[in-house]
Amino acid sequence: MTSEKHSDDHDEIDCTIAIEQFYAYLDGELTDEETVAKLEQHMTHCKSCFSRKELELGLNKQLQKTVEDQVPESLQERLHKLVDNF
């Protein structure tokens, strides 16, 4: 049974690696499914990284809301078209 636990531990990532990949994950830029799965698994067991994820998601949501409230709709539409064509 210890060998199974050791094997599971080997597959897990630590906080240092999670933090390095964190923003790419939040931005949807982390495309390797195995890496995404390991990062998500880590965040289900690590309160610190989970809290950081929730904080960043909340901040991003608030920033988007603030930007949408302050940026004229015509500019938003132009930016969306520009991003879609990029």
N, C-alpha and C. Protein backbone atom coordinates (compact mmCIF):
# COMPACT_ATOMS: atom_id res chain seq x y z
N MET A 1 0.82 -1.19 0.00
CA MET A 1 0.00 0.00 0.00
C MET A 1 0.87 1.26 0.00
N THR A 2 2.00 1.22 0.67
CA THR A 2 2.88 2.39 0.65
C THR A 2 3.38 2.70 -0.74
N SER A 3 3.58 1.70 -1.57
CA SER A 3 4.06 1.98 -2.93
C SER A 3 3.00 2.73 -3.73
N GLU A 4 1.71 2.44 -3.49
CA GLU A 4 0.66 3.18 -4.18
C GLU A 4 0.66 4.64 -3.74
N LYS A 5 0.79 4.86 -2.45
CA LYS A 5 0.82 6.22 -1.93
C LYS A 5 2.03 6.97 -2.48
N HIS A 6 3.17 6.29 -2.54
CA HIS A 6 4.37 6.91 -3.10
C HIS A 6 4.14 7.28 -4.57
N SER A 7 3.50 6.38 -5.30
CA SER A 7 3.21 6.65 -6.71
C SER A 7 2.28 7.84 -6.84
N ASP A 8 1.25 7.93 -5.98
CA ASP A 8 0.34 9.08 -6.02
C ASP A 8 1.09 10.36 -5.70
N ASP A 9 1.96 10.30 -4.68
CA ASP A 9 2.73 11.49 -4.31
C ASP A 9 3.59 11.96 -5.48
N HIS A 10 4.13 11.01 -6.23
CA HIS A 10 4.99 11.35 -7.36
C HIS A 10 4.21 12.11 -8.44
N ASP A 11 2.93 11.76 -8.57
CA ASP A 11 2.10 12.38 -9.60
C ASP A 11 1.61 13.77 -9.19
N GLU A 12 1.66 14.09 -7.91
CA GLU A 12 1.17 15.38 -7.45
C GLU A 12 2.21 16.47 -7.67
N ILE A 13 1.74 17.70 -7.70
CA ILE A 13 2.65 18.84 -7.82
C ILE A 13 2.66 19.58 -6.49
N ASP A 14 3.71 20.36 -6.27
CA ASP A 14 3.78 21.13 -5.03
C ASP A 14 3.36 22.57 -5.30
N CYS A 15 3.31 23.37 -4.25
CA CYS A 15 2.84 24.75 -4.36
C CYS A 15 3.72 25.59 -5.29
N THR A 16 5.01 25.35 -5.30
CA THR A 16 5.91 26.12 -6.16
C THR A 16 5.53 25.94 -7.63
N ILE A 17 5.32 24.72 -8.03
CA ILE A 17 4.93 24.44 -9.41
C ILE A 17 3.52 24.98 -9.68
N ALA A 18 2.62 24.81 -8.71
CA ALA A 18 1.25 25.30 -8.88
C ALA A 18 1.24 26.81 -9.11
N ILE A 19 2.02 27.53 -8.34
CA ILE A 19 2.07 28.99 -8.48
C ILE A 19 2.66 29.39 -9.83
N GLU A 20 3.67 28.66 -10.29
CA GLU A 20 4.27 28.96 -11.60
C GLU A 20 3.26 28.81 -12.73
N GLN A 21 2.33 27.88 -12.58
CA GLN A 21 1.36 27.58 -13.64
C GLN A 21 0.01 28.25 -13.41
N PHE A 22 -0.14 28.89 -12.30
CA PHE A 22 -1.42 29.41 -11.83
C PHE A 22 -2.10 30.37 -12.80
N TYR A 23 -1.37 31.39 -13.23
CA TYR A 23 -2.00 32.41 -14.08
C TYR A 23 -2.29 31.90 -15.49
N ALA A 24 -1.43 31.03 -15.99
CA ALA A 24 -1.72 30.42 -17.29
C ALA A 24 -3.00 29.58 -17.18
N TYR A 25 -3.18 28.91 -16.06
CA TYR A 25 -4.39 28.13 -15.82
C TYR A 25 -5.62 29.03 -15.77
N LEU A 26 -5.55 30.09 -14.99
CA LEU A 26 -6.69 31.00 -14.86
C LEU A 26 -7.04 31.69 -16.17
N ASP A 27 -6.03 31.95 -16.99
CA ASP A 27 -6.25 32.62 -18.27
C ASP A 27 -6.63 31.65 -19.39
N GLY A 28 -6.72 30.37 -19.07
CA GLY A 28 -7.08 29.38 -20.07
C GLY A 28 -5.96 29.06 -21.04
N GLU A 29 -4.74 29.40 -20.68
CA GLU A 29 -3.60 29.19 -21.56
C GLU A 29 -2.89 27.86 -21.29
N LEU A 30 -3.24 27.21 -20.22
CA LEU A 30 -2.64 25.92 -19.88
C LEU A 30 -3.44 24.84 -20.59
N THR A 31 -2.87 24.27 -21.63
CA THR A 31 -3.63 23.37 -22.49
C THR A 31 -3.32 21.89 -22.28
N ASP A 32 -2.24 21.58 -21.61
CA ASP A 32 -1.90 20.17 -21.36
C ASP A 32 -2.86 19.61 -20.31
N GLU A 33 -3.70 18.66 -20.74
CA GLU A 33 -4.75 18.13 -19.88
C GLU A 33 -4.20 17.48 -18.61
N GLU A 34 -3.08 16.82 -18.72
CA GLU A 34 -2.49 16.16 -17.54
C GLU A 34 -2.03 17.20 -16.53
N THR A 35 -1.41 18.27 -17.01
CA THR A 35 -0.96 19.34 -16.13
C THR A 35 -2.14 20.04 -15.48
N VAL A 36 -3.19 20.30 -16.25
CA VAL A 36 -4.40 20.93 -15.71
C VAL A 36 -4.98 20.04 -14.62
N ALA A 37 -5.06 18.75 -14.87
CA ALA A 37 -5.62 17.81 -13.89
C ALA A 37 -4.79 17.80 -12.61
N LYS A 38 -3.48 17.80 -12.74
CA LYS A 38 -2.61 17.81 -11.56
C LYS A 38 -2.77 19.11 -10.78
N LEU A 39 -2.88 20.23 -11.48
CA LEU A 39 -3.04 21.52 -10.82
C LEU A 39 -4.38 21.57 -10.09
N GLU A 40 -5.44 21.13 -10.75
CA GLU A 40 -6.76 21.11 -10.12
C GLU A 40 -6.78 20.18 -8.91
N GLN A 41 -6.12 19.04 -9.04
CA GLN A 41 -6.03 18.09 -7.93
C GLN A 41 -5.30 18.74 -6.76
N HIS A 42 -4.22 19.44 -7.04
CA HIS A 42 -3.47 20.11 -5.99
C HIS A 42 -4.36 21.14 -5.27
N MET A 43 -5.12 21.90 -6.04
CA MET A 43 -5.95 22.95 -5.44
C MET A 43 -7.11 22.38 -4.62
N THR A 44 -7.49 21.13 -4.87
CA THR A 44 -8.55 20.53 -4.05
C THR A 44 -8.01 20.11 -2.68
N HIS A 45 -6.70 19.92 -2.58
CA HIS A 45 -6.11 19.49 -1.33
C HIS A 45 -5.33 20.58 -0.60
N CYS A 46 -4.99 21.66 -1.27
CA CYS A 46 -4.16 22.71 -0.67
C CYS A 46 -5.02 23.95 -0.43
N LYS A 47 -5.29 24.23 0.84
CA LYS A 47 -6.14 25.38 1.17
C LYS A 47 -5.54 26.69 0.70
N SER A 48 -4.24 26.82 0.79
CA SER A 48 -3.56 28.06 0.40
C SER A 48 -3.73 28.33 -1.10
N CYS A 49 -3.46 27.33 -1.92
CA CYS A 49 -3.59 27.51 -3.37
C CYS A 49 -5.05 27.66 -3.78
N PHE A 50 -5.95 26.93 -3.12
CA PHE A 50 -7.38 27.07 -3.41
C PHE A 50 -7.84 28.49 -3.08
N SER A 51 -7.42 29.00 -1.93
CA SER A 51 -7.80 30.37 -1.53
C SER A 51 -7.25 31.39 -2.51
N ARG A 52 -6.04 31.17 -2.95
CA ARG A 52 -5.43 32.08 -3.92
C ARG A 52 -6.21 32.08 -5.23
N LYS A 53 -6.62 30.88 -5.67
CA LYS A 53 -7.41 30.77 -6.89
C LYS A 53 -8.73 31.52 -6.74
N GLU A 54 -9.41 31.32 -5.63
CA GLU A 54 -10.69 31.98 -5.41
C GLU A 54 -10.54 33.50 -5.35
N LEU A 55 -9.48 33.97 -4.70
CA LEU A 55 -9.21 35.41 -4.62
C LEU A 55 -8.97 35.98 -6.01
N GLU A 56 -8.13 35.32 -6.80
CA GLU A 56 -7.82 35.80 -8.14
C GLU A 56 -9.05 35.78 -9.04
N LEU A 57 -9.86 34.74 -8.93
CA LEU A 57 -11.08 34.68 -9.73
C LEU A 57 -12.03 35.82 -9.35
N GLY A 58 -12.14 36.08 -8.05
CA GLY A 58 -12.97 37.19 -7.59
C GLY A 58 -12.47 38.53 -8.07
N LEU A 59 -11.16 38.73 -8.00
CA LEU A 59 -10.57 39.98 -8.47
C LEU A 59 -10.78 40.16 -9.97
N ASN A 60 -10.55 39.09 -10.73
CA ASN A 60 -10.75 39.15 -12.18
C ASN A 60 -12.20 39.49 -12.53
N LYS A 61 -13.13 38.88 -11.81
CA LYS A 61 -14.55 39.14 -12.05
C LYS A 61 -14.88 40.61 -11.76
N GLN A 62 -14.36 41.12 -10.65
CA GLN A 62 -14.61 42.50 -10.28
C GLN A 62 -13.97 43.47 -11.28
N LEU A 63 -12.76 43.16 -11.72
CA LEU A 63 -12.10 44.00 -12.71
C LEU A 63 -12.87 44.03 -14.02
N GLN A 64 -13.35 42.88 -14.44
CA GLN A 64 -14.13 42.83 -15.68
C GLN A 64 -15.40 43.66 -15.55
N LYS A 65 -16.05 43.54 -14.41
CA LYS A 65 -17.28 44.31 -14.19
C LYS A 65 -16.98 45.80 -14.20
N THR A 66 -15.90 46.20 -13.54
CA THR A 66 -15.52 47.61 -13.49
C THR A 66 -15.20 48.13 -14.87
N VAL A 67 -14.45 47.37 -15.63
CA VAL A 67 -14.07 47.78 -16.99
C VAL A 67 -15.31 47.89 -17.87
N GLU A 68 -16.19 46.92 -17.78
CA GLU A 68 -17.41 46.95 -18.58
C GLU A 68 -18.28 48.15 -18.22
N ASP A 69 -18.29 48.52 -16.96
CA ASP A 69 -19.10 49.67 -16.52
C ASP A 69 -18.51 50.99 -16.99
N GLN A 70 -17.20 51.04 -17.21
CA GLN A 70 -16.54 52.31 -17.52
C GLN A 70 -16.16 52.48 -18.98
N VAL A 71 -16.07 51.40 -19.72
CA VAL A 71 -15.64 51.48 -21.11
C VAL A 71 -16.88 51.61 -22.00
N PRO A 72 -16.89 52.59 -22.89
CA PRO A 72 -18.04 52.73 -23.78
C PRO A 72 -18.29 51.46 -24.58
N GLU A 73 -19.55 51.17 -24.82
CA GLU A 73 -19.92 49.95 -25.53
C GLU A 73 -19.29 49.87 -26.92
N SER A 74 -19.19 51.00 -27.60
CA SER A 74 -18.58 50.99 -28.94
C SER A 74 -17.13 50.54 -28.89
N LEU A 75 -16.40 50.97 -27.86
CA LEU A 75 -15.01 50.55 -27.72
C LEU A 75 -14.94 49.07 -27.36
N GLN A 76 -15.82 48.61 -26.49
CA GLN A 76 -15.86 47.19 -26.14
C GLN A 76 -16.07 46.34 -27.39
N GLU A 77 -17.00 46.75 -28.25
CA GLU A 77 -17.28 46.00 -29.47
C GLU A 77 -16.06 45.97 -30.39
N ARG A 78 -15.39 47.10 -30.53
CA ARG A 78 -14.19 47.15 -31.38
C ARG A 78 -13.09 46.25 -30.82
N LEU A 79 -12.92 46.26 -29.52
CA LEU A 79 -11.91 45.41 -28.89
C LEU A 79 -12.24 43.93 -29.06
N HIS A 80 -13.51 43.58 -28.89
CA HIS A 80 -13.92 42.18 -29.08
C HIS A 80 -13.65 41.72 -30.50
N LYS A 81 -13.95 42.58 -31.49
CA LYS A 81 -13.70 42.23 -32.89
C LYS A 81 -12.20 42.07 -33.13
N LEU A 82 -11.41 42.96 -32.55
CA LEU A 82 -9.96 42.90 -32.71
C LEU A 82 -9.42 41.58 -32.11
N VAL A 83 -9.86 41.25 -30.93
CA VAL A 83 -9.40 40.02 -30.27
C VAL A 83 -9.86 38.80 -31.06
N ASP A 84 -11.09 38.82 -31.53
CA ASP A 84 -11.61 37.67 -32.30
C ASP A 84 -10.82 37.46 -33.59
N ASN A 85 -10.34 38.53 -34.19
CA ASN A 85 -9.58 38.42 -35.44
C ASN A 85 -8.11 38.13 -35.21
N PHE A 86 -7.66 38.22 -33.97
CA PHE A 86 -6.27 37.97 -33.65
C PHE A 86 -6.05 36.52 -33.63
